[in-house]
Amino acid sequence: MGQNVVGVVGGGSWGTAIAQILGDNGHTVRFWMRDAEVCRAINQTRRNSKYLPQAILAPQIIATTELASIGPSCRVIFLVVPSHGLRAVARELGDHLDGAHILIHAVKGIEPGTYKLMSQILREETCCRKIGVLSGPNLAKEVALHHPSATAIASRFAEVIEAGRNLLWCHGFRVYGNDDVVGTEIGGSAKNVMAIAAGMAQGLGFGMNTMALLLTRGLTEIARLGLAKGADAQTFQGLSGIGDLMATCFSPLSRNYQIGWRLAKGEALPDILSGMTQVAEGVRTTRTLHELARTIPIYMPITAGVYRILFEKEAPKDVLESLLDVTRNVYEFESAATIK
């Protein structure tokens, strides 16, 4: 495999896992992060002990705190930062980019207030148009341990999909492509809300019947939003839809699942968040999607229920039991042809 110099912007667990794959594939990686201590540790020990100690990083992965160094040396850049920080990072990075750069983000969120997708933010803050989104059932720890995994890259440009596939594809990690950027981003963002609900259901002691009900109705809710925003319904049947939803909702490795589980056990949200070392996107996304659903308007009952728990302090048991009760709402019915 030919060598490339590839940028990875974001030193959390998923950014580290992506850097690991790239390094193991023989590519030189410029790996940017804000934390100088983590940066030094990676360069000295080849491990990110703070965020992903399972990953052993190849020597050609060079950690740096100098964001300006990424653009001039890397044609393809993966952005893996929290959604609330992407605009500022993209603006700073954009000063060092040109139209030849390829940006592939793995950021799962929607901007509050503007309701813009992360790809839209990248277009606004940089001159780049060759933009893609990477999303799928990708728990960083399992990828770092080389468990068989797969992801999807969505872009309007075949060149972006091909570049991402060539860089990341390896034994144990497959990369698929599609052109539905909107559906891929919405699926990756909204599933974090469902993961909070799933964690609460498990924490309350509900079984697989309840989980199956939550996930299937949750997928319908996500697809309903996606279709309203112009997505392809088929996207939600793939890796960035049902695949990502299943991995996040069933795994205790998911930070959003953990929030739901701990809320069900009686912990307060501020206490949970203050003890987390990484961002759980689902909390912010719940508020944003709840507001967006009311603006469109569109029917998203699970999102509304999670919102009431997180921000109006309703009891998880009361909200979940009301959600899981059989309703007579005219919008709630199964259809093989359409998502209502």
C-alpha atoms as a PDB file:
ATOM      1  CA  MET A   1       0.000   0.000   0.000  1.00  0.00           C
ATOM      2  CA  GLY A   2       1.396   3.376  -0.988  1.00  0.00           C
ATOM      3  CA  GLN A   3       2.175   5.900   1.708  1.00  0.00           C
ATOM      4  CA  ASN A   4       0.292   9.151   2.142  1.00  0.00           C
ATOM      5  CA  VAL A   5       0.502  11.955   4.664  1.00  0.00           C
ATOM      6  CA  VAL A   6      -2.925  12.147   6.266  1.00  0.00           C
ATOM      7  CA  GLY A   7      -4.292  14.552   8.851  1.00  0.00           C
ATOM      8  CA  VAL A   8      -6.437  13.603  11.831  1.00  0.00           C
ATOM      9  CA  VAL A   9      -7.889  16.526  13.773  1.00  0.00           C
ATOM     10  CA  GLY A  10      -9.159  15.517  17.220  1.00  0.00           C
ATOM     11  CA  GLY A  11      -7.416  13.451  19.872  1.00  0.00           C
ATOM     12  CA  GLY A  12     -10.344  11.663  21.511  1.00  0.00           C
ATOM     13  CA  SER A  13     -11.063   7.955  21.358  1.00  0.00           C
ATOM     14  CA  TRP A  14     -12.487   7.828  17.826  1.00  0.00           C
ATOM     15  CA  GLY A  15      -9.856  10.181  16.418  1.00  0.00           C
ATOM     16  CA  THR A  16      -7.211   7.943  17.975  1.00  0.00           C
ATOM     17  CA  ALA A  17      -8.777   4.823  16.473  1.00  0.00           C
ATOM     18  CA  ILE A  18      -8.820   6.417  13.016  1.00  0.00           C
ATOM     19  CA  ALA A  19      -5.175   7.443  13.416  1.00  0.00           C
ATOM     20  CA  GLN A  20      -4.370   3.866  14.441  1.00  0.00           C
ATOM     21  CA  ILE A  21      -5.986   2.426  11.298  1.00  0.00           C
ATOM     22  CA  LEU A  22      -4.172   4.908   9.068  1.00  0.00           C
ATOM     23  CA  GLY A  23      -0.825   4.224  10.740  1.00  0.00           C
ATOM     24  CA  ASP A  24      -1.284   0.459  10.593  1.00  0.00           C
ATOM     25  CA  ASN A  25      -2.025   0.847   6.870  1.00  0.00           C
ATOM     26  CA  GLY A  26       1.421   2.395   6.405  1.00  0.00           C
ATOM     27  CA  HIS A  27       0.451   6.061   6.135  1.00  0.00           C
ATOM     28  CA  THR A  28       2.192   8.950   7.848  1.00  0.00           C
ATOM     29  CA  VAL A  29      -0.292  10.696  10.128  1.00  0.00           C
ATOM     30  CA  ARG A  30      -0.254  14.252  11.446  1.00  0.00           C
ATOM     31  CA  PHE A  31      -2.431  13.884  14.549  1.00  0.00           C
ATOM     32  CA  TRP A  32      -3.677  17.171  16.045  1.00  0.00           C
ATOM     33  CA  MET A  33      -5.063  17.680  19.551  1.00  0.00           C
ATOM     34  CA  ARG A  34      -5.303  20.524  22.054  1.00  0.00           C
ATOM     35  CA  ASP A  35      -3.997  18.595  25.056  1.00  0.00           C
ATOM     36  CA  ALA A  36      -0.221  19.024  25.121  1.00  0.00           C
ATOM     37  CA  GLU A  37       0.211  16.319  27.753  1.00  0.00           C
ATOM     38  CA  VAL A  38      -1.638  13.726  25.666  1.00  0.00           C
ATOM     39  CA  CYS A  39       0.366  14.855  22.635  1.00  0.00           C
ATOM     40  CA  ARG A  40       3.690  14.264  24.409  1.00  0.00           C
ATOM     41  CA  ALA A  41       2.551  10.907  25.753  1.00  0.00           C
ATOM     42  CA  ILE A  42       1.554   9.670  22.302  1.00  0.00           C
ATOM     43  CA  ASN A  43       4.904  10.653  20.795  1.00  0.00           C
ATOM     44  CA  GLN A  44       6.829   9.081  23.665  1.00  0.00           C
ATOM     45  CA  THR A  45       4.818   5.942  24.502  1.00  0.00           C
ATOM     46  CA  ARG A  46       2.747   5.365  21.287  1.00  0.00           C
ATOM     47  CA  ARG A  47      -0.441   5.291  23.384  1.00  0.00           C
ATOM     48  CA  ASN A  48      -3.268   7.682  24.150  1.00  0.00           C
ATOM     49  CA  SER A  49      -3.692   6.508  27.724  1.00  0.00           C
ATOM     50  CA  LYS A  50      -6.284   9.173  28.535  1.00  0.00           C
ATOM     51  CA  TYR A  51      -8.814   8.340  25.834  1.00  0.00           C
ATOM     52  CA  LEU A  52      -7.986   5.000  24.182  1.00  0.00           C
ATOM     53  CA  PRO A  53      -5.269   3.010  25.941  1.00  0.00           C
ATOM     54  CA  GLN A  54      -6.121  -0.101  23.888  1.00  0.00           C
ATOM     55  CA  ALA A  55      -4.671   1.436  20.726  1.00  0.00           C
ATOM     56  CA  ILE A  56      -0.969   0.928  19.984  1.00  0.00           C
ATOM     57  CA  LEU A  57       0.022   3.696  17.590  1.00  0.00           C
ATOM     58  CA  ALA A  58       2.525   3.215  14.787  1.00  0.00           C
ATOM     59  CA  PRO A  59       5.716   5.297  14.866  1.00  0.00           C
ATOM     60  CA  GLN A  60       4.703   7.245  11.748  1.00  0.00           C
ATOM     61  CA  ILE A  61       1.804   8.805  13.725  1.00  0.00           C
ATOM     62  CA  ILE A  62       3.108  12.190  14.840  1.00  0.00           C
ATOM     63  CA  ALA A  63       1.017  14.027  17.420  1.00  0.00           C
ATOM     64  CA  THR A  64       1.010  17.825  17.381  1.00  0.00           C
ATOM     65  CA  THR A  65      -0.746  20.782  18.991  1.00  0.00           C
ATOM     66  CA  GLU A  66      -0.049  22.979  15.947  1.00  0.00           C
ATOM     67  CA  LEU A  67      -3.205  22.978  13.836  1.00  0.00           C
ATOM     68  CA  ALA A  68      -1.550  25.162  11.196  1.00  0.00           C
ATOM     69  CA  SER A  69       0.829  22.302  10.370  1.00  0.00           C
ATOM     70  CA  ILE A  70      -1.953  19.971   9.190  1.00  0.00           C
ATOM     71  CA  GLY A  71      -3.189  21.750   6.061  1.00  0.00           C
ATOM     72  CA  PRO A  72       0.121  22.281   4.210  1.00  0.00           C
ATOM     73  CA  SER A  73       1.253  18.666   4.653  1.00  0.00           C
ATOM     74  CA  CYS A  74      -1.985  16.675   4.257  1.00  0.00           C
ATOM     75  CA  ARG A  75      -4.266  16.442   1.225  1.00  0.00           C
ATOM     76  CA  VAL A  76      -6.863  14.362   3.096  1.00  0.00           C
ATOM     77  CA  ILE A  77      -7.909  15.401   6.611  1.00  0.00           C
ATOM     78  CA  PHE A  78     -10.223  13.545   8.984  1.00  0.00           C
ATOM     79  CA  LEU A  79     -11.993  15.807  11.480  1.00  0.00           C
ATOM     80  CA  VAL A  80     -13.039  14.108  14.723  1.00  0.00           C
ATOM     81  CA  VAL A  81     -13.796  16.859  17.236  1.00  0.00           C
ATOM     82  CA  PRO A  82     -16.912  17.489  19.357  1.00  0.00           C
ATOM     83  CA  SER A  83     -19.705  19.107  17.374  1.00  0.00           C
ATOM     84  CA  HIS A  84     -19.724  22.284  19.460  1.00  0.00           C
ATOM     85  CA  GLY A  85     -16.054  22.873  18.630  1.00  0.00           C
ATOM     86  CA  LEU A  86     -16.094  22.112  14.917  1.00  0.00           C
ATOM     87  CA  ARG A  87     -16.895  25.608  13.652  1.00  0.00           C
ATOM     88  CA  ALA A  88     -13.978  27.229  15.496  1.00  0.00           C
ATOM     89  CA  VAL A  89     -11.557  24.460  14.533  1.00  0.00           C
ATOM     90  CA  ALA A  90     -12.683  24.571  10.891  1.00  0.00           C
ATOM     91  CA  ARG A  91     -12.307  28.360  10.789  1.00  0.00           C
ATOM     92  CA  GLU A  92      -8.726  28.138  12.087  1.00  0.00           C
ATOM     93  CA  LEU A  93      -7.859  25.184   9.871  1.00  0.00           C
ATOM     94  CA  GLY A  94      -9.477  26.864   6.874  1.00  0.00           C
ATOM     95  CA  ASP A  95      -6.746  29.504   6.745  1.00  0.00           C
ATOM     96  CA  HIS A  96      -4.357  26.745   5.650  1.00  0.00           C
ATOM     97  CA  LEU A  97      -6.516  24.886   3.118  1.00  0.00           C
ATOM     98  CA  ASP A  98      -7.223  25.180  -0.587  1.00  0.00           C
ATOM     99  CA  GLY A  99      -9.697  23.659  -3.021  1.00  0.00           C
ATOM    100  CA  ALA A 100      -7.614  20.513  -3.495  1.00  0.00           C
ATOM    101  CA  HIS A 101      -8.036  19.366   0.110  1.00  0.00           C
ATOM    102  CA  ILE A 102     -10.450  16.560   0.996  1.00  0.00           C
ATOM    103  CA  LEU A 103     -12.208  16.843   4.356  1.00  0.00           C
ATOM    104  CA  ILE A 104     -13.921  13.802   5.890  1.00  0.00           C
ATOM    105  CA  HIS A 105     -15.588  14.454   9.211  1.00  0.00           C
ATOM    106  CA  ALA A 106     -16.748  11.944  11.798  1.00  0.00           C
ATOM    107  CA  VAL A 107     -18.587  14.475  13.960  1.00  0.00           C
ATOM    108  CA  LYS A 108     -22.042  13.429  15.152  1.00  0.00           C
ATOM    109  CA  GLY A 109     -24.110  16.468  15.918  1.00  0.00           C
ATOM    110  CA  ILE A 110     -26.323  19.250  14.597  1.00  0.00           C
ATOM    111  CA  GLU A 111     -25.578  22.896  15.339  1.00  0.00           C
ATOM    112  CA  PRO A 112     -28.018  24.430  17.859  1.00  0.00           C
ATOM    113  CA  GLY A 113     -30.062  27.353  16.616  1.00  0.00           C
ATOM    114  CA  THR A 114     -29.028  27.093  12.969  1.00  0.00           C
ATOM    115  CA  TYR A 115     -29.795  23.337  12.756  1.00  0.00           C
ATOM    116  CA  LYS A 116     -26.934  23.026  10.290  1.00  0.00           C
ATOM    117  CA  LEU A 117     -25.151  19.751   9.621  1.00  0.00           C
ATOM    118  CA  MET A 118     -21.430  19.482  10.212  1.00  0.00           C
ATOM    119  CA  SER A 119     -20.737  19.290   6.474  1.00  0.00           C
ATOM    120  CA  GLN A 120     -22.533  22.618   6.032  1.00  0.00           C
ATOM    121  CA  ILE A 121     -20.310  24.167   8.702  1.00  0.00           C
ATOM    122  CA  LEU A 122     -17.208  22.915   6.890  1.00  0.00           C
ATOM    123  CA  ARG A 123     -18.416  24.500   3.658  1.00  0.00           C
ATOM    124  CA  GLU A 124     -19.027  27.789   5.432  1.00  0.00           C
ATOM    125  CA  GLU A 125     -15.731  27.942   7.319  1.00  0.00           C
ATOM    126  CA  THR A 126     -13.339  26.608   4.665  1.00  0.00           C
ATOM    127  CA  CYS A 127     -12.874  26.920   0.918  1.00  0.00           C
ATOM    128  CA  CYS A 128     -13.183  23.138   0.556  1.00  0.00           C
ATOM    129  CA  ARG A 129     -16.003  21.531  -1.386  1.00  0.00           C
ATOM    130  CA  LYS A 130     -14.706  17.952  -1.452  1.00  0.00           C
ATOM    131  CA  ILE A 131     -16.328  17.039   1.850  1.00  0.00           C
ATOM    132  CA  GLY A 132     -17.543  13.724   3.219  1.00  0.00           C
ATOM    133  CA  VAL A 133     -18.967  12.263   6.417  1.00  0.00           C
ATOM    134  CA  LEU A 134     -17.821   9.017   8.029  1.00  0.00           C
ATOM    135  CA  SER A 135     -20.439   7.231  10.127  1.00  0.00           C
ATOM    136  CA  GLY A 136     -21.304   3.707  11.180  1.00  0.00           C
ATOM    137  CA  PRO A 137     -21.366   1.185  14.031  1.00  0.00           C
ATOM    138  CA  ASN A 138     -17.888   2.141  15.209  1.00  0.00           C
ATOM    139  CA  LEU A 139     -17.160   1.786  18.911  1.00  0.00           C
ATOM    140  CA  ALA A 140     -13.587   3.032  19.207  1.00  0.00           C
ATOM    141  CA  LYS A 141     -12.419   0.456  21.741  1.00  0.00           C
ATOM    142  CA  GLU A 142     -13.572  -2.451  19.580  1.00  0.00           C
ATOM    143  CA  VAL A 143     -11.932  -0.967  16.489  1.00  0.00           C
ATOM    144  CA  ALA A 144      -8.702  -0.497  18.456  1.00  0.00           C
ATOM    145  CA  LEU A 145      -8.843  -4.171  19.443  1.00  0.00           C
ATOM    146  CA  HIS A 146      -9.211  -5.087  15.740  1.00  0.00           C
ATOM    147  CA  HIS A 147     -12.718  -6.519  16.032  1.00  0.00           C
ATOM    148  CA  PRO A 148     -14.247  -6.897  12.543  1.00  0.00           C
ATOM    149  CA  SER A 149     -15.969  -3.586  11.822  1.00  0.00           C
ATOM    150  CA  ALA A 150     -17.256  -1.449   8.970  1.00  0.00           C
ATOM    151  CA  THR A 151     -18.175   2.152   8.292  1.00  0.00           C
ATOM    152  CA  ALA A 152     -19.725   4.296   5.570  1.00  0.00           C
ATOM    153  CA  ILE A 153     -18.424   7.435   3.895  1.00  0.00           C
ATOM    154  CA  ALA A 154     -21.031   9.663   2.282  1.00  0.00           C
ATOM    155  CA  SER A 155     -20.168  12.429  -0.155  1.00  0.00           C
ATOM    156  CA  ARG A 156     -21.415  14.097  -3.343  1.00  0.00           C
ATOM    157  CA  PHE A 157     -17.921  13.487  -4.733  1.00  0.00           C
ATOM    158  CA  ALA A 158     -16.807   9.993  -5.725  1.00  0.00           C
ATOM    159  CA  GLU A 159     -13.211  11.172  -5.236  1.00  0.00           C
ATOM    160  CA  VAL A 160     -13.867  11.711  -1.517  1.00  0.00           C
ATOM    161  CA  ILE A 161     -15.355   8.252  -1.031  1.00  0.00           C
ATOM    162  CA  GLU A 162     -12.521   6.628  -2.953  1.00  0.00           C
ATOM    163  CA  ALA A 163      -9.862   8.517  -0.997  1.00  0.00           C
ATOM    164  CA  GLY A 164     -11.371   7.551   2.339  1.00  0.00           C
ATOM    165  CA  ARG A 165     -11.804   3.932   1.285  1.00  0.00           C
ATOM    166  CA  ASN A 166      -8.225   3.633   0.031  1.00  0.00           C
ATOM    167  CA  LEU A 167      -6.817   5.099   3.243  1.00  0.00           C
ATOM    168  CA  LEU A 168      -8.916   3.192   5.790  1.00  0.00           C
ATOM    169  CA  TRP A 169      -9.815  -0.158   4.200  1.00  0.00           C
ATOM    170  CA  CYS A 170      -7.910  -3.005   5.787  1.00  0.00           C
ATOM    171  CA  HIS A 171      -8.374  -6.503   7.114  1.00  0.00           C
ATOM    172  CA  GLY A 172     -11.063  -6.179   9.764  1.00  0.00           C
ATOM    173  CA  PHE A 173     -12.271  -2.685   8.772  1.00  0.00           C
ATOM    174  CA  ARG A 174     -14.399  -2.285   5.663  1.00  0.00           C
ATOM    175  CA  VAL A 175     -15.464   1.027   4.149  1.00  0.00           C
ATOM    176  CA  TYR A 176     -18.597   1.502   2.073  1.00  0.00           C
ATOM    177  CA  GLY A 177     -19.798   4.588   0.219  1.00  0.00           C
ATOM    178  CA  ASN A 178     -22.987   6.433  -0.632  1.00  0.00           C
ATOM    179  CA  ASP A 179     -24.011   9.910  -1.792  1.00  0.00           C
ATOM    180  CA  ASP A 180     -26.608  10.655   0.917  1.00  0.00           C
ATOM    181  CA  VAL A 181     -24.751  13.117   3.120  1.00  0.00           C
ATOM    182  CA  VAL A 182     -27.914  14.381   4.817  1.00  0.00           C
ATOM    183  CA  GLY A 183     -29.205  10.930   5.753  1.00  0.00           C
ATOM    184  CA  THR A 184     -25.806   9.752   6.942  1.00  0.00           C
ATOM    185  CA  GLU A 185     -25.325  12.794   9.174  1.00  0.00           C
ATOM    186  CA  ILE A 186     -28.838  12.709  10.616  1.00  0.00           C
ATOM    187  CA  GLY A 187     -28.605   8.990  11.328  1.00  0.00           C
ATOM    188  CA  GLY A 188     -25.296   9.411  13.119  1.00  0.00           C
ATOM    189  CA  SER A 189     -26.544  12.322  15.204  1.00  0.00           C
ATOM    190  CA  ALA A 190     -30.084  11.262  16.131  1.00  0.00           C
ATOM    191  CA  LYS A 191     -29.082   7.747  17.197  1.00  0.00           C
ATOM    192  CA  ASN A 192     -27.327   9.250  20.236  1.00  0.00           C
ATOM    193  CA  VAL A 193     -30.708  10.433  21.544  1.00  0.00           C
ATOM    194  CA  MET A 194     -32.072   6.913  21.135  1.00  0.00           C
ATOM    195  CA  ALA A 195     -29.030   5.532  22.946  1.00  0.00           C
ATOM    196  CA  ILE A 196     -29.889   7.626  26.006  1.00  0.00           C
ATOM    197  CA  ALA A 197     -33.413   6.180  25.929  1.00  0.00           C
ATOM    198  CA  ALA A 198     -32.018   2.655  25.509  1.00  0.00           C
ATOM    199  CA  GLY A 199     -29.657   3.087  28.446  1.00  0.00           C
ATOM    200  CA  MET A 200     -32.562   4.229  30.600  1.00  0.00           C
ATOM    201  CA  ALA A 201     -34.648   1.255  29.552  1.00  0.00           C
ATOM    202  CA  GLN A 202     -31.853  -1.139  30.519  1.00  0.00           C
ATOM    203  CA  GLY A 203     -31.187   0.733  33.757  1.00  0.00           C
ATOM    204  CA  LEU A 204     -34.848   0.409  34.709  1.00  0.00           C
ATOM    205  CA  GLY A 205     -34.646  -3.340  34.184  1.00  0.00           C
ATOM    206  CA  PHE A 206     -36.684  -3.614  30.998  1.00  0.00           C
ATOM    207  CA  GLY A 207     -35.823  -6.517  28.709  1.00  0.00           C
ATOM    208  CA  MET A 208     -35.275  -7.157  25.022  1.00  0.00           C
ATOM    209  CA  ASN A 209     -38.909  -6.674  24.030  1.00  0.00           C
ATOM    210  CA  THR A 210     -38.701  -3.106  25.281  1.00  0.00           C
ATOM    211  CA  MET A 211     -35.327  -2.536  23.639  1.00  0.00           C
ATOM    212  CA  ALA A 212     -36.605  -3.875  20.315  1.00  0.00           C
ATOM    213  CA  LEU A 213     -39.629  -1.593  20.536  1.00  0.00           C
ATOM    214  CA  LEU A 214     -37.483   1.431  21.325  1.00  0.00           C
ATOM    215  CA  LEU A 215     -35.013   0.742  18.531  1.00  0.00           C
ATOM    216  CA  THR A 216     -37.546   0.043  15.809  1.00  0.00           C
ATOM    217  CA  ARG A 217     -39.705   3.035  16.688  1.00  0.00           C
ATOM    218  CA  GLY A 218     -36.546   5.082  17.202  1.00  0.00           C
ATOM    219  CA  LEU A 219     -35.362   4.213  13.709  1.00  0.00           C
ATOM    220  CA  THR A 220     -38.741   5.262  12.328  1.00  0.00           C
ATOM    221  CA  GLU A 221     -38.404   8.571  14.149  1.00  0.00           C
ATOM    222  CA  ILE A 222     -34.890   9.146  12.789  1.00  0.00           C
ATOM    223  CA  ALA A 223     -35.967   8.287   9.247  1.00  0.00           C
ATOM    224  CA  ARG A 224     -38.997  10.562   9.547  1.00  0.00           C
ATOM    225  CA  LEU A 225     -36.673  13.466  10.324  1.00  0.00           C
ATOM    226  CA  GLY A 226     -34.282  12.446   7.567  1.00  0.00           C
ATOM    227  CA  LEU A 227     -36.985  12.350   4.925  1.00  0.00           C
ATOM    228  CA  ALA A 228     -38.195  15.774   6.010  1.00  0.00           C
ATOM    229  CA  LYS A 229     -34.664  17.086   5.424  1.00  0.00           C
ATOM    230  CA  GLY A 230     -34.289  15.431   2.017  1.00  0.00           C
ATOM    231  CA  ALA A 231     -32.520  12.170   2.909  1.00  0.00           C
ATOM    232  CA  ASP A 232     -32.903   8.833   1.124  1.00  0.00           C
ATOM    233  CA  ALA A 233     -35.003   6.399   3.196  1.00  0.00           C
ATOM    234  CA  GLN A 234     -32.709   3.535   2.174  1.00  0.00           C
ATOM    235  CA  THR A 235     -29.791   5.116   4.044  1.00  0.00           C
ATOM    236  CA  PHE A 236     -31.417   4.319   7.380  1.00  0.00           C
ATOM    237  CA  GLN A 237     -31.352   0.602   6.589  1.00  0.00           C
ATOM    238  CA  GLY A 238     -27.555   0.621   6.308  1.00  0.00           C
ATOM    239  CA  LEU A 239     -24.454   1.003   8.445  1.00  0.00           C
ATOM    240  CA  SER A 240     -25.013   4.673   9.261  1.00  0.00           C
ATOM    241  CA  GLY A 241     -28.660   3.993  10.133  1.00  0.00           C
ATOM    242  CA  ILE A 242     -29.729   0.770  11.789  1.00  0.00           C
ATOM    243  CA  GLY A 243     -26.104  -0.369  12.133  1.00  0.00           C
ATOM    244  CA  ASP A 244     -24.973   2.643  14.145  1.00  0.00           C
ATOM    245  CA  LEU A 245     -28.230   2.638  16.118  1.00  0.00           C
ATOM    246  CA  MET A 246     -27.779  -0.982  17.200  1.00  0.00           C
ATOM    247  CA  ALA A 247     -24.155  -0.585  18.248  1.00  0.00           C
ATOM    248  CA  THR A 248     -24.824   2.563  20.251  1.00  0.00           C
ATOM    249  CA  CYS A 249     -28.054   1.412  21.890  1.00  0.00           C
ATOM    250  CA  PHE A 250     -26.900  -2.053  22.933  1.00  0.00           C
ATOM    251  CA  SER A 251     -23.351  -1.355  24.106  1.00  0.00           C
ATOM    252  CA  PRO A 252     -22.286  -0.126  27.562  1.00  0.00           C
ATOM    253  CA  LEU A 253     -19.228   1.290  25.748  1.00  0.00           C
ATOM    254  CA  SER A 254     -21.497   4.039  24.408  1.00  0.00           C
ATOM    255  CA  ARG A 255     -21.233   7.243  26.441  1.00  0.00           C
ATOM    256  CA  ASN A 256     -24.834   8.142  25.611  1.00  0.00           C
ATOM    257  CA  TYR A 257     -26.065   4.720  26.728  1.00  0.00           C
ATOM    258  CA  GLN A 258     -24.167   5.214  29.976  1.00  0.00           C
ATOM    259  CA  ILE A 259     -25.873   8.558  30.585  1.00  0.00           C
ATOM    260  CA  GLY A 260     -29.295   6.955  30.199  1.00  0.00           C
ATOM    261  CA  TRP A 261     -28.391   4.013  32.419  1.00  0.00           C
ATOM    262  CA  ARG A 262     -27.063   6.255  35.185  1.00  0.00           C
ATOM    263  CA  LEU A 263     -30.089   8.560  35.000  1.00  0.00           C
ATOM    264  CA  ALA A 264     -32.309   5.525  35.465  1.00  0.00           C
ATOM    265  CA  LYS A 265     -30.304   4.649  38.568  1.00  0.00           C
ATOM    266  CA  GLY A 266     -31.076   8.040  40.075  1.00  0.00           C
ATOM    267  CA  GLU A 267     -27.942  10.060  39.312  1.00  0.00           C
ATOM    268  CA  ALA A 268     -28.312  13.723  38.389  1.00  0.00           C
ATOM    269  CA  LEU A 269     -27.343  14.799  34.874  1.00  0.00           C
ATOM    270  CA  PRO A 270     -24.840  17.502  35.988  1.00  0.00           C
ATOM    271  CA  ASP A 271     -23.041  14.951  38.166  1.00  0.00           C
ATOM    272  CA  ILE A 272     -22.862  12.438  35.315  1.00  0.00           C
ATOM    273  CA  LEU A 273     -21.523  14.974  32.828  1.00  0.00           C
ATOM    274  CA  SER A 274     -18.958  16.438  35.219  1.00  0.00           C
ATOM    275  CA  GLY A 275     -17.348  13.034  35.650  1.00  0.00           C
ATOM    276  CA  MET A 276     -17.025  12.243  31.940  1.00  0.00           C
ATOM    277  CA  THR A 277     -13.696  12.774  30.181  1.00  0.00           C
ATOM    278  CA  GLN A 278     -15.252  12.901  26.707  1.00  0.00           C
ATOM    279  CA  VAL A 279     -18.299  14.572  25.220  1.00  0.00           C
ATOM    280  CA  ALA A 280     -21.568  12.653  25.031  1.00  0.00           C
ATOM    281  CA  GLU A 281     -23.168  14.291  22.005  1.00  0.00           C
ATOM    282  CA  GLY A 282     -26.646  12.971  22.753  1.00  0.00           C
ATOM    283  CA  VAL A 283     -27.417  15.532  25.451  1.00  0.00           C
ATOM    284  CA  ARG A 284     -26.881  18.542  23.203  1.00  0.00           C
ATOM    285  CA  THR A 285     -28.454  16.747  20.251  1.00  0.00           C
ATOM    286  CA  THR A 286     -31.617  16.008  22.226  1.00  0.00           C
ATOM    287  CA  ARG A 287     -32.238  19.705  22.830  1.00  0.00           C
ATOM    288  CA  THR A 288     -31.408  20.624  19.230  1.00  0.00           C
ATOM    289  CA  LEU A 289     -33.589  17.929  17.659  1.00  0.00           C
ATOM    290  CA  HIS A 290     -36.471  18.670  20.015  1.00  0.00           C
ATOM    291  CA  GLU A 291     -36.384  22.315  18.930  1.00  0.00           C
ATOM    292  CA  LEU A 292     -35.964  21.386  15.257  1.00  0.00           C
ATOM    293  CA  ALA A 293     -38.887  18.943  15.386  1.00  0.00           C
ATOM    294  CA  ARG A 294     -41.128  21.671  16.751  1.00  0.00           C
ATOM    295  CA  THR A 295     -39.902  24.112  14.095  1.00  0.00           C
ATOM    296  CA  ILE A 296     -40.549  21.865  11.063  1.00  0.00           C
ATOM    297  CA  PRO A 297     -42.948  20.570  12.663  1.00  0.00           C
ATOM    298  CA  ILE A 298     -42.464  16.812  12.821  1.00  0.00           C
ATOM    299  CA  TYR A 299     -43.552  14.076  15.238  1.00  0.00           C
ATOM    300  CA  MET A 300     -40.600  12.792  17.353  1.00  0.00           C
ATOM    301  CA  PRO A 301     -42.056  11.382  20.579  1.00  0.00           C
ATOM    302  CA  ILE A 302     -38.972   9.545  21.847  1.00  0.00           C
ATOM    303  CA  THR A 303     -36.824  12.634  21.383  1.00  0.00           C
ATOM    304  CA  ALA A 304     -39.469  14.698  23.190  1.00  0.00           C
ATOM    305  CA  GLY A 305     -39.520  12.188  26.042  1.00  0.00           C
ATOM    306  CA  VAL A 306     -35.751  12.190  26.443  1.00  0.00           C
ATOM    307  CA  TYR A 307     -35.840  16.001  26.374  1.00  0.00           C
ATOM    308  CA  ARG A 308     -38.330  16.057  29.269  1.00  0.00           C
ATOM    309  CA  ILE A 309     -36.083  13.771  31.295  1.00  0.00           C
ATOM    310  CA  LEU A 310     -32.877  15.679  30.607  1.00  0.00           C
ATOM    311  CA  PHE A 311     -34.128  19.249  30.808  1.00  0.00           C
ATOM    312  CA  GLU A 312     -37.454  19.205  32.619  1.00  0.00           C
ATOM    313  CA  LYS A 313     -36.437  16.658  35.268  1.00  0.00           C
ATOM    314  CA  GLU A 314     -39.249  14.222  34.643  1.00  0.00           C
ATOM    315  CA  ALA A 315     -38.674  10.717  35.976  1.00  0.00           C
ATOM    316  CA  PRO A 316     -37.245   8.237  33.440  1.00  0.00           C
ATOM    317  CA  LYS A 317     -39.686   5.532  34.504  1.00  0.00           C
ATOM    318  CA  ASP A 318     -42.723   7.754  34.037  1.00  0.00           C
ATOM    319  CA  VAL A 319     -41.636   9.012  30.630  1.00  0.00           C
ATOM    320  CA  LEU A 320     -40.556   5.638  29.271  1.00  0.00           C
ATOM    321  CA  GLU A 321     -43.696   3.886  30.407  1.00  0.00           C
ATOM    322  CA  SER A 322     -45.827   6.543  28.732  1.00  0.00           C
ATOM    323  CA  LEU A 323     -43.778   6.262  25.532  1.00  0.00           C
ATOM    324  CA  LEU A 324     -43.938   2.485  25.444  1.00  0.00           C
ATOM    325  CA  ASP A 325     -47.644   2.346  26.088  1.00  0.00           C
ATOM    326  CA  VAL A 326     -49.756   1.583  23.035  1.00  0.00           C
ATOM    327  CA  THR A 327     -51.089   4.910  21.806  1.00  0.00           C
ATOM    328  CA  ARG A 328     -53.829   5.884  19.415  1.00  0.00           C
ATOM    329  CA  ASN A 329     -51.872   8.716  17.869  1.00  0.00           C
ATOM    330  CA  VAL A 330     -52.880   9.011  14.241  1.00  0.00           C
ATOM    331  CA  TYR A 331     -49.244   9.342  13.161  1.00  0.00           C
ATOM    332  CA  GLU A 332     -48.109   6.121  14.818  1.00  0.00           C
ATOM    333  CA  PHE A 333     -48.578   3.141  12.513  1.00  0.00           C
ATOM    334  CA  GLU A 334     -46.364   0.777  10.627  1.00  0.00           C
ATOM    335  CA  SER A 335     -46.193   0.972   6.854  1.00  0.00           C
ATOM    336  CA  ALA A 336     -44.009  -0.966   4.449  1.00  0.00           C
ATOM    337  CA  ALA A 337     -44.251   1.790   1.848  1.00  0.00           C
ATOM    338  CA  THR A 338     -43.853   5.020   3.787  1.00  0.00           C
ATOM    339  CA  ILE A 339     -42.571   6.333   7.076  1.00  0.00           C
ATOM    340  CA  LYS A 340     -45.270   8.366   8.764  1.00  0.00           C
END
